[in-house]
C-alpha atoms as a PDB file:
ATOM      1  CA  MET A   1     -31.740 -54.132  28.366  1.00  0.00           C
ATOM      2  CA  GLN A   2     -29.034 -52.133  30.226  1.00  0.00           C
ATOM      3  CA  ALA A   3     -26.470 -53.182  27.620  1.00  0.00           C
ATOM      4  CA  ILE A   4     -28.706 -51.824  24.836  1.00  0.00           C
ATOM      5  CA  GLN A   5     -29.233 -48.499  26.648  1.00  0.00           C
ATOM      6  CA  SER A   6     -25.481 -48.196  27.270  1.00  0.00           C
ATOM      7  CA  PHE A   7     -24.787 -48.835  23.568  1.00  0.00           C
ATOM      8  CA  VAL A   8     -27.345 -46.194  22.521  1.00  0.00           C
ATOM      9  CA  ARG A   9     -25.883 -43.569  24.887  1.00  0.00           C
ATOM     10  CA  THR A  10     -22.347 -44.341  23.687  1.00  0.00           C
ATOM     11  CA  THR A  11     -23.437 -44.071  20.036  1.00  0.00           C
ATOM     12  CA  CYS A  12     -25.180 -40.739  20.678  1.00  0.00           C
ATOM     13  CA  ALA A  13     -22.109 -39.377  22.477  1.00  0.00           C
ATOM     14  CA  ILE A  14     -19.852 -40.357  19.568  1.00  0.00           C
ATOM     15  CA  ALA A  15     -22.282 -38.732  17.144  1.00  0.00           C
ATOM     16  CA  MET A  16     -22.260 -35.486  19.144  1.00  0.00           C
ATOM     17  CA  ILE A  17     -18.427 -35.434  19.222  1.00  0.00           C
ATOM     18  CA  LEU A  18     -18.288 -35.984  15.462  1.00  0.00           C
ATOM     19  CA  CYS A  19     -20.844 -33.199  15.011  1.00  0.00           C
ATOM     20  CA  VAL A  20     -18.727 -30.770  17.064  1.00  0.00           C
ATOM     21  CA  ILE A  21     -15.585 -31.733  15.117  1.00  0.00           C
ATOM     22  CA  ALA A  22     -17.386 -31.252  11.801  1.00  0.00           C
ATOM     23  CA  THR A  23     -18.729 -27.842  12.887  1.00  0.00           C
ATOM     24  CA  THR A  24     -15.274 -26.705  14.041  1.00  0.00           C
ATOM     25  CA  THR A  25     -13.660 -27.873  10.805  1.00  0.00           C
ATOM     26  CA  GLN A  26     -16.309 -26.099   8.774  1.00  0.00           C
ATOM     27  CA  ALA A  27     -15.763 -22.854  10.723  1.00  0.00           C
ATOM     28  CA  GLN A  28     -12.001 -23.091  10.250  1.00  0.00           C
ATOM     29  CA  THR A  29     -12.421 -23.710   6.519  1.00  0.00           C
ATOM     30  CA  SER A  30     -14.786 -20.769   6.236  1.00  0.00           C
ATOM     31  CA  SER A  31     -12.344 -18.528   8.103  1.00  0.00           C
ATOM     32  CA  SER A  32      -9.362 -19.546   5.948  1.00  0.00           C
ATOM     33  CA  ALA A  33     -11.418 -18.947   2.795  1.00  0.00           C
ATOM     34  CA  SER A  34     -11.745 -15.226   3.567  1.00  0.00           C
ATOM     35  CA  ALA A  35      -9.226 -12.398   3.454  1.00  0.00           C
ATOM     36  CA  ARG A  36      -8.505  -9.657   5.994  1.00  0.00           C
ATOM     37  CA  LEU A  37      -7.579  -6.007   5.511  1.00  0.00           C
ATOM     38  CA  THR A  38      -5.635  -4.328   8.328  1.00  0.00           C
ATOM     39  CA  GLY A  39      -3.641  -1.155   8.662  1.00  0.00           C
ATOM     40  CA  ASN A  40      -3.866   2.477   9.723  1.00  0.00           C
ATOM     41  CA  VAL A  41      -5.915   5.495   8.662  1.00  0.00           C
ATOM     42  CA  LEU A  42      -3.622   8.539   8.536  1.00  0.00           C
ATOM     43  CA  SER A  43      -3.660  12.155   7.454  1.00  0.00           C
ATOM     44  CA  ASP A  44      -1.597  12.425   4.268  1.00  0.00           C
ATOM     45  CA  SER A  45      -0.108  15.803   5.264  1.00  0.00           C
ATOM     46  CA  ASN A  46       1.565  14.748   8.521  1.00  0.00           C
ATOM     47  CA  GLU A  47       0.783  11.006   8.897  1.00  0.00           C
ATOM     48  CA  ARG A  48      -1.096  11.582  12.134  1.00  0.00           C
ATOM     49  CA  PRO A  49      -3.598   8.832  12.991  1.00  0.00           C
ATOM     50  CA  ILE A  50      -7.281   9.452  12.282  1.00  0.00           C
ATOM     51  CA  ALA A  51      -9.536   7.943  14.947  1.00  0.00           C
ATOM     52  CA  ASN A  52     -13.114   6.734  14.378  1.00  0.00           C
ATOM     53  CA  ALA A  53     -12.729   6.629  10.592  1.00  0.00           C
ATOM     54  CA  SER A  54     -15.168   4.349   8.783  1.00  0.00           C
ATOM     55  CA  ILE A  55     -13.592   1.605   6.641  1.00  0.00           C
ATOM     56  CA  SER A  56     -16.101  -0.382   4.611  1.00  0.00           C
ATOM     57  CA  ILE A  57     -16.734  -2.549   1.566  1.00  0.00           C
ATOM     58  CA  PRO A  58     -20.296  -1.473   0.650  1.00  0.00           C
ATOM     59  CA  GLU A  59     -20.815  -4.288  -1.839  1.00  0.00           C
ATOM     60  CA  LEU A  60     -20.309  -6.872   0.943  1.00  0.00           C
ATOM     61  CA  ASN A  61     -21.932  -4.824   3.721  1.00  0.00           C
ATOM     62  CA  LEU A  62     -18.676  -5.091   5.714  1.00  0.00           C
ATOM     63  CA  ASN A  63     -17.491  -2.194   7.845  1.00  0.00           C
ATOM     64  CA  THR A  64     -15.341  -1.300  10.833  1.00  0.00           C
ATOM     65  CA  ARG A  65     -13.845   1.813  12.464  1.00  0.00           C
ATOM     66  CA  SER A  66     -10.312   2.877  13.309  1.00  0.00           C
ATOM     67  CA  ASP A  67      -9.278   3.078  16.961  1.00  0.00           C
ATOM     68  CA  SER A  68      -7.572   5.966  18.751  1.00  0.00           C
ATOM     69  CA  THR A  69      -4.253   5.110  17.055  1.00  0.00           C
ATOM     70  CA  GLY A  70      -5.823   4.963  13.589  1.00  0.00           C
ATOM     71  CA  ALA A  71      -5.484   1.156  13.447  1.00  0.00           C
ATOM     72  CA  PHE A  72      -8.247  -1.019  12.006  1.00  0.00           C
ATOM     73  CA  SER A  73      -8.988  -4.625  11.024  1.00  0.00           C
ATOM     74  CA  LEU A  74     -11.672  -5.718   8.578  1.00  0.00           C
ATOM     75  CA  GLY A  75     -12.143  -9.488   8.167  1.00  0.00           C
ATOM     76  CA  GLY A  76     -14.511 -11.909   6.449  1.00  0.00           C
ATOM     77  CA  ILE A  77     -13.690 -10.644   2.952  1.00  0.00           C
ATOM     78  CA  PRO A  78     -14.364 -13.272   0.256  1.00  0.00           C
ATOM     79  CA  ALA A  79     -11.967 -13.615  -2.664  1.00  0.00           C
ATOM     80  CA  GLY A  80     -12.574 -11.081  -5.408  1.00  0.00           C
ATOM     81  CA  ARG A  81     -12.153  -7.424  -6.348  1.00  0.00           C
ATOM     82  CA  TYR A  82     -14.092  -4.862  -4.326  1.00  0.00           C
ATOM     83  CA  VAL A  83     -14.175  -1.128  -3.701  1.00  0.00           C
ATOM     84  CA  VAL A  84     -12.836  -0.131  -0.268  1.00  0.00           C
ATOM     85  CA  GLN A  85     -14.368   3.088   1.069  1.00  0.00           C
ATOM     86  CA  VAL A  86     -12.880   5.237   3.860  1.00  0.00           C
ATOM     87  CA  ARG A  87     -14.661   8.191   5.474  1.00  0.00           C
ATOM     88  CA  ALA A  88     -13.738  10.510   8.323  1.00  0.00           C
ATOM     89  CA  VAL A  89     -15.114  13.836   9.524  1.00  0.00           C
ATOM     90  CA  GLY A  90     -13.103  16.720   8.089  1.00  0.00           C
ATOM     91  CA  PHE A  91     -11.434  14.621   5.374  1.00  0.00           C
ATOM     92  CA  ALA A  92     -12.201  13.905   1.730  1.00  0.00           C
ATOM     93  CA  GLU A  93     -13.736  10.491   1.094  1.00  0.00           C
ATOM     94  CA  PHE A  94     -11.282   7.869  -0.147  1.00  0.00           C
ATOM     95  CA  THR A  95     -12.201   4.927  -2.394  1.00  0.00           C
ATOM     96  CA  SER A  96     -10.002   2.331  -4.080  1.00  0.00           C
ATOM     97  CA  ALA A  97     -10.576  -0.998  -5.823  1.00  0.00           C
ATOM     98  CA  MET A  98      -8.600  -3.845  -4.242  1.00  0.00           C
ATOM     99  CA  THR A  99      -8.212  -7.502  -5.183  1.00  0.00           C
ATOM    100  CA  PHE A 100      -8.375 -10.004  -2.322  1.00  0.00           C
ATOM    101  CA  VAL A 101      -7.135 -13.610  -2.302  1.00  0.00           C
ATOM    102  CA  ALA A 102      -8.663 -16.209   0.014  1.00  0.00           C
ATOM    103  CA  GLY A 103      -6.729 -16.728   3.248  1.00  0.00           C
ATOM    104  CA  GLN A 104      -4.478 -13.682   2.745  1.00  0.00           C
ATOM    105  CA  GLN A 105      -4.016 -10.673   5.040  1.00  0.00           C
ATOM    106  CA  TYR A 106      -3.381  -7.271   3.498  1.00  0.00           C
ATOM    107  CA  ASP A 107      -1.757  -4.440   5.460  1.00  0.00           C
ATOM    108  CA  ALA A 108      -2.169  -0.904   4.142  1.00  0.00           C
ATOM    109  CA  ASP A 109      -1.864   2.696   5.247  1.00  0.00           C
ATOM    110  CA  LEU A 110      -4.951   4.596   4.066  1.00  0.00           C
ATOM    111  CA  LEU A 111      -4.046   8.273   3.626  1.00  0.00           C
ATOM    112  CA  LEU A 112      -6.859  10.856   3.751  1.00  0.00           C
ATOM    113  CA  ARG A 113      -6.656  14.472   2.659  1.00  0.00           C
ATOM    114  CA  PRO A 114      -8.259  17.283   4.659  1.00  0.00           C
ATOM    115  CA  ALA A 115     -11.397  18.219   2.729  1.00  0.00           C
ATOM    116  CA  ALA A 116     -10.755  21.956   2.386  1.00  0.00           C
ATOM    117  CA  GLN A 117      -7.067  21.589   1.454  1.00  0.00           C
ATOM    118  CA  SER A 118      -7.825  18.888  -1.098  1.00  0.00           C
ATOM    119  CA  LEU A 119     -10.208  21.116  -3.036  1.00  0.00           C
ATOM    120  CA  ALA A 120      -7.788  24.026  -3.009  1.00  0.00           C
ATOM    121  CA  LYS A 121      -4.919  21.898  -4.328  1.00  0.00           C
ATOM    122  CA  VAL A 122      -7.001  20.511  -7.181  1.00  0.00           C
ATOM    123  CA  ASP A 123      -8.048  24.013  -8.298  1.00  0.00           C
ATOM    124  CA  VAL A 124      -4.449  25.233  -8.378  1.00  0.00           C
ATOM    125  CA  LYS A 125      -2.854  22.210 -10.021  1.00  0.00           C
ATOM    126  CA  ALA A 126      -5.541  21.720 -12.641  1.00  0.00           C
ATOM    127  CA  THR A 127      -4.395  24.844 -14.472  1.00  0.00           C
ATOM    128  CA  LYS A 128      -0.732  23.840 -14.500  1.00  0.00           C
ATOM    129  CA  SER A 129       0.777  21.226 -16.791  1.00  0.00           C
ATOM    130  CA  THR A 130       4.087  19.545 -16.063  1.00  0.00           C
ATOM    131  CA  SER A 131       6.700  20.388 -18.690  1.00  0.00           C
ATOM    132  CA  GLY A 132       8.823  17.845 -20.526  1.00  0.00           C
ATOM    133  CA  ASP A 133       8.780  15.824 -23.726  1.00  0.00           C
ATOM    134  CA  ASN A 134       7.457  12.597 -22.165  1.00  0.00           C
ATOM    135  CA  PRO A 135       3.982  12.027 -23.696  1.00  0.00           C
ATOM    136  CA  ARG A 136       2.800  10.157 -20.581  1.00  0.00           C
ATOM    137  CA  ILE A 137       2.868  13.362 -18.519  1.00  0.00           C
ATOM    138  CA  ALA A 138      -0.686  14.148 -19.629  1.00  0.00           C
ATOM    139  CA  GLU A 139      -1.855  10.929 -17.924  1.00  0.00           C
ATOM    140  CA  PHE A 140       0.100  11.941 -14.819  1.00  0.00           C
ATOM    141  CA  ASP A 141      -1.725  15.283 -14.741  1.00  0.00           C
ATOM    142  CA  GLU A 142      -5.110  13.538 -14.956  1.00  0.00           C
ATOM    143  CA  ARG A 143      -4.313  11.252 -12.019  1.00  0.00           C
ATOM    144  CA  ARG A 144      -2.983  14.234 -10.062  1.00  0.00           C
ATOM    145  CA  LYS A 145      -6.333  15.997 -10.456  1.00  0.00           C
ATOM    146  CA  MET A 146      -8.079  12.978  -8.907  1.00  0.00           C
ATOM    147  CA  GLY A 147      -5.952  13.400  -5.771  1.00  0.00           C
ATOM    148  CA  PHE A 148      -5.216   9.752  -4.893  1.00  0.00           C
ATOM    149  CA  GLY A 149      -1.543   9.281  -4.080  1.00  0.00           C
ATOM    150  CA  ALA A 150       1.399  11.657  -3.656  1.00  0.00           C
ATOM    151  CA  PHE A 151       2.528  13.726  -6.655  1.00  0.00           C
ATOM    152  CA  ILE A 152       5.680  15.735  -7.347  1.00  0.00           C
ATOM    153  CA  THR A 153       5.997  17.936 -10.442  1.00  0.00           C
ATOM    154  CA  GLN A 154       9.093  18.977 -12.351  1.00  0.00           C
ATOM    155  CA  ASP A 155       9.526  22.323 -10.628  1.00  0.00           C
ATOM    156  CA  ALA A 156      10.370  20.554  -7.345  1.00  0.00           C
ATOM    157  CA  PHE A 157      13.264  18.728  -9.004  1.00  0.00           C
ATOM    158  CA  GLU A 158      14.476  21.876 -10.735  1.00  0.00           C
ATOM    159  CA  LYS A 159      14.779  23.473  -7.278  1.00  0.00           C
ATOM    160  CA  ALA A 160      16.713  20.525  -5.819  1.00  0.00           C
ATOM    161  CA  ASP A 161      19.840  22.724  -5.532  1.00  0.00           C
ATOM    162  CA  GLY A 162      22.292  19.827  -5.781  1.00  0.00           C
ATOM    163  CA  ARG A 163      20.387  17.561  -3.396  1.00  0.00           C
ATOM    164  CA  LYS A 164      20.098  13.855  -4.122  1.00  0.00           C
ATOM    165  CA  LEU A 165      16.881  12.508  -5.624  1.00  0.00           C
ATOM    166  CA  ALA A 166      16.264  10.345  -2.544  1.00  0.00           C
ATOM    167  CA  ASP A 167      16.322  13.450  -0.314  1.00  0.00           C
ATOM    168  CA  VAL A 168      13.709  15.189  -2.455  1.00  0.00           C
ATOM    169  CA  LEU A 169      11.451  12.124  -2.472  1.00  0.00           C
ATOM    170  CA  VAL A 170      11.686  11.399   1.263  1.00  0.00           C
ATOM    171  CA  GLN A 171      10.923  15.021   2.104  1.00  0.00           C
ATOM    172  CA  ARG A 172       7.779  15.130  -0.032  1.00  0.00           C
ATOM    173  CA  ILE A 173       6.351  11.593   0.156  1.00  0.00           C
ATOM    174  CA  PRO A 174       4.936  10.339   3.476  1.00  0.00           C
ATOM    175  CA  GLY A 175       5.697   6.745   4.410  1.00  0.00           C
ATOM    176  CA  ILE A 176       9.105   6.200   2.788  1.00  0.00           C
ATOM    177  CA  ARG A 177      12.724   6.571   3.889  1.00  0.00           C
ATOM    178  CA  ALA A 178      16.159   6.056   2.352  1.00  0.00           C
ATOM    179  CA  LEU A 179      18.621   3.348   3.368  1.00  0.00           C
ATOM    180  CA  SER A 180      22.331   3.778   2.661  1.00  0.00           C
ATOM    181  CA  ALA A 181      24.631   0.883   1.785  1.00  0.00           C
ATOM    182  CA  GLY A 182      27.958   0.936   0.004  1.00  0.00           C
ATOM    183  CA  GLY A 183      27.540   4.556  -1.031  1.00  0.00           C
ATOM    184  CA  ALA A 184      24.155   3.866  -2.679  1.00  0.00           C
ATOM    185  CA  LEU A 185      20.647   4.829  -1.553  1.00  0.00           C
ATOM    186  CA  TYR A 186      17.531   2.641  -1.587  1.00  0.00           C
ATOM    187  CA  LEU A 187      13.902   3.508  -0.825  1.00  0.00           C
ATOM    188  CA  VAL A 188      11.919   1.439   1.690  1.00  0.00           C
ATOM    189  CA  ALA A 189       8.562   1.829   3.440  1.00  0.00           C
ATOM    190  CA  THR A 190       8.654   3.226   6.978  1.00  0.00           C
ATOM    191  CA  ARG A 191       6.162   0.673   8.335  1.00  0.00           C
ATOM    192  CA  GLY A 192       5.962  -2.310   5.971  1.00  0.00           C
ATOM    193  CA  ARG A 193       7.911  -5.549   6.327  1.00  0.00           C
ATOM    194  CA  ILE A 194       8.476  -8.186   3.654  1.00  0.00           C
ATOM    195  CA  ALA A 195       6.997 -10.988   5.746  1.00  0.00           C
ATOM    196  CA  MET A 196       5.274 -11.415   9.082  1.00  0.00           C
ATOM    197  CA  GLY A 197       7.885 -11.370  11.820  1.00  0.00           C
ATOM    198  CA  SER A 198      10.660 -10.339   9.431  1.00  0.00           C
ATOM    199  CA  GLN A 199      12.933  -7.438  10.349  1.00  0.00           C
ATOM    200  CA  MET A 200      14.025  -6.898   6.744  1.00  0.00           C
ATOM    201  CA  PRO A 201      13.035  -3.411   5.447  1.00  0.00           C
ATOM    202  CA  CYS A 202      10.240  -3.395   2.874  1.00  0.00           C
ATOM    203  CA  PRO A 203      11.510  -2.115  -0.532  1.00  0.00           C
ATOM    204  CA  VAL A 204       9.432   0.328  -2.549  1.00  0.00           C
ATOM    205  CA  GLN A 205       8.661  -0.863  -6.070  1.00  0.00           C
ATOM    206  CA  VAL A 206      10.064   1.539  -8.691  1.00  0.00           C
ATOM    207  CA  ILE A 207       8.584   1.969 -12.184  1.00  0.00           C
ATOM    208  CA  ILE A 208      10.440   4.256 -14.606  1.00  0.00           C
ATOM    209  CA  ASP A 209       8.636   5.274 -17.819  1.00  0.00           C
ATOM    210  CA  ASP A 210       6.262   2.297 -17.347  1.00  0.00           C
ATOM    211  CA  ILE A 211       9.084  -0.257 -16.905  1.00  0.00           C
ATOM    212  CA  VAL A 212       9.387  -2.033 -13.541  1.00  0.00           C
ATOM    213  CA  GLN A 213      12.934  -1.763 -12.197  1.00  0.00           C
ATOM    214  CA  ASN A 214      12.619  -4.224  -9.287  1.00  0.00           C
ATOM    215  CA  SER A 215       9.958  -6.768 -10.227  1.00  0.00           C
ATOM    216  CA  SER A 216      10.734  -9.413  -7.572  1.00  0.00           C
ATOM    217  CA  THR A 217       9.275  -7.457  -4.642  1.00  0.00           C
ATOM    218  CA  ASN A 218       8.658 -10.610  -2.598  1.00  0.00           C
ATOM    219  CA  GLN A 219      12.306 -11.599  -2.133  1.00  0.00           C
ATOM    220  CA  LYS A 220      13.664 -11.804   1.385  1.00  0.00           C
ATOM    221  CA  ALA A 221      17.436 -12.174   0.880  1.00  0.00           C
ATOM    222  CA  PRO A 222      19.479  -9.095   1.850  1.00  0.00           C
ATOM    223  CA  ARG A 223      21.642  -7.333  -0.724  1.00  0.00           C
ATOM    224  CA  ALA A 224      23.997  -5.963   1.880  1.00  0.00           C
ATOM    225  CA  SER A 225      24.378  -5.652   5.605  1.00  0.00           C
ATOM    226  CA  THR A 226      25.937  -2.480   6.970  1.00  0.00           C
ATOM    227  CA  ALA A 227      26.337  -0.881  10.340  1.00  0.00           C
ATOM    228  CA  THR A 228      23.210   1.193   9.724  1.00  0.00           C
ATOM    229  CA  SER A 229      20.870  -0.927   7.612  1.00  0.00           C
ATOM    230  CA  GLU A 230      20.099  -4.086   5.699  1.00  0.00           C
ATOM    231  CA  VAL A 231      19.036  -3.617   2.095  1.00  0.00           C
ATOM    232  CA  PRO A 232      16.750  -6.255   0.496  1.00  0.00           C
ATOM    233  CA  ALA A 233      17.942  -7.879  -2.719  1.00  0.00           C
ATOM    234  CA  ASP A 234      15.073  -6.415  -4.734  1.00  0.00           C
ATOM    235  CA  ALA A 235      15.550  -2.787  -3.646  1.00  0.00           C
ATOM    236  CA  PHE A 236      16.197  -0.321  -6.484  1.00  0.00           C
ATOM    237  CA  GLU A 237      19.256   1.916  -6.271  1.00  0.00           C
ATOM    238  CA  ILE A 238      17.544   5.306  -6.447  1.00  0.00           C
ATOM    239  CA  SER A 239      20.903   7.112  -6.305  1.00  0.00           C
ATOM    240  CA  MET A 240      21.463   6.128  -9.961  1.00  0.00           C
ATOM    241  CA  LEU A 241      19.002   8.861 -11.018  1.00  0.00           C
ATOM    242  CA  ASN A 242      19.605  12.614 -10.957  1.00  0.00           C
ATOM    243  CA  PRO A 243      16.795  15.079 -10.119  1.00  0.00           C
ATOM    244  CA  ASP A 244      17.430  17.041 -13.335  1.00  0.00           C
ATOM    245  CA  ARG A 245      16.275  14.008 -15.360  1.00  0.00           C
ATOM    246  CA  ILE A 246      12.868  13.789 -13.672  1.00  0.00           C
ATOM    247  CA  ALA A 247       9.711  15.284 -15.154  1.00  0.00           C
ATOM    248  CA  ALA A 248       7.240  13.928 -12.579  1.00  0.00           C
ATOM    249  CA  VAL A 249       6.857  11.392  -9.767  1.00  0.00           C
ATOM    250  CA  GLU A 250       3.787   9.730  -8.261  1.00  0.00           C
ATOM    251  CA  PHE A 251       3.660   7.402  -5.250  1.00  0.00           C
ATOM    252  CA  TYR A 252       0.894   4.981  -4.255  1.00  0.00           C
ATOM    253  CA  THR A 253       0.304   2.710  -1.296  1.00  0.00           C
ATOM    254  CA  VAL A 254      -1.327  -0.698  -1.828  1.00  0.00           C
ATOM    255  CA  ALA A 255      -4.718   0.803  -0.997  1.00  0.00           C
ATOM    256  CA  ASN A 256      -4.750   3.674  -3.505  1.00  0.00           C
ATOM    257  CA  ARG A 257      -2.592   2.284  -6.337  1.00  0.00           C
ATOM    258  CA  PRO A 258      -4.304   2.509  -9.781  1.00  0.00           C
ATOM    259  CA  ALA A 259      -4.876  -0.758 -11.635  1.00  0.00           C
ATOM    260  CA  GLN A 260      -2.331   0.058 -14.357  1.00  0.00           C
ATOM    261  CA  PHE A 261       0.459   0.049 -11.761  1.00  0.00           C
ATOM    262  CA  ASN A 262      -0.427  -3.299 -10.143  1.00  0.00           C
ATOM    263  CA  ARG A 263       2.777  -5.083 -11.086  1.00  0.00           C
ATOM    264  CA  GLY A 264       3.596  -8.207  -9.073  1.00  0.00           C
ATOM    265  CA  GLY A 265       2.060  -7.286  -5.728  1.00  0.00           C
ATOM    266  CA  ALA A 266       4.419  -4.564  -4.436  1.00  0.00           C
ATOM    267  CA  PRO A 267       3.234  -4.674  -0.787  1.00  0.00           C
ATOM    268  CA  CYS A 268       5.410  -1.715   0.248  1.00  0.00           C
ATOM    269  CA  GLY A 269       4.084   0.860  -2.222  1.00  0.00           C
ATOM    270  CA  THR A 270       4.872   1.862  -5.799  1.00  0.00           C
ATOM    271  CA  LEU A 271       6.967   4.830  -6.943  1.00  0.00           C
ATOM    272  CA  VAL A 272       6.274   5.828 -10.560  1.00  0.00           C
ATOM    273  CA  ILE A 273       8.918   8.045 -12.193  1.00  0.00           C
ATOM    274  CA  TRP A 274       8.518   9.846 -15.513  1.00  0.00           C
ATOM    275  CA  THR A 275      11.736  11.163 -17.035  1.00  0.00           C
ATOM    276  CA  ARG A 276      12.362  14.212 -19.201  1.00  0.00           C
ATOM    277  CA  TRP A 277      12.996  12.681 -22.582  1.00  0.00           C
ATOM    278  CA  SER A 278      14.900  15.670 -23.882  1.00  0.00           C
ATOM    279  CA  ALA A 279      17.291  15.306 -20.929  1.00  0.00           C
ATOM    280  CA  SER A 280      17.726  11.558 -21.299  1.00  0.00           C
ATOM    281  CA  LYS A 281      18.403  11.439 -25.037  1.00  0.00           C
END
């Protein structure tokens, strides 16, 4: 009788262990099947952190808030395309559609515009059209009215006064900087990195007149190593362009990039350049 009771207790114990293992495995599988969105909520005018901002995906009833440094983390996102909504007191609401892949983590800087300034800028710019022969400028003007992203019109390049294009862009676009190597300049993100734990600067994707100039934005091999910087192999040499050839420029982070500019991931942001056709022919 004691042998039977011992066998039953042993069997039950084994069953409980298997149950715990199965539950743990199921939880791990469920966790790996979801994506996570992390990053910072910043003011687009000076890149100062915005605390207590609401970051949510209304369709999934998922939400979180930024901490005192503007940092946030939103997990449990199933694979698919959803609208990410960001709200903060004193700032215009921000929304953007993002595509999430199971098991992936996405890092993004979400830039908010002060509510009063945003309305004033739209009223002024809506009456002004960027000059140039490029027929795509009309589309640029429409996106500029919506206010998502950073926009530079032709007059800024006409007033460059001999400065390099990289200097004009870095001065007017938050979140990017220029790296110098071998006499050339390359644009990289100020916070992004190509891979977790990598110290390689994160190259900005460049699209000129709807043609991607550096399509392999997931490469990790350096182009050059200098005393001041390492330039990734897929960085675009922005010094090849002169300001007097530019009709308009728009820059988007991963979070606010329009669908038509989703070209091969581009985790470090996308710079869209429209040239003056009359100057380039």
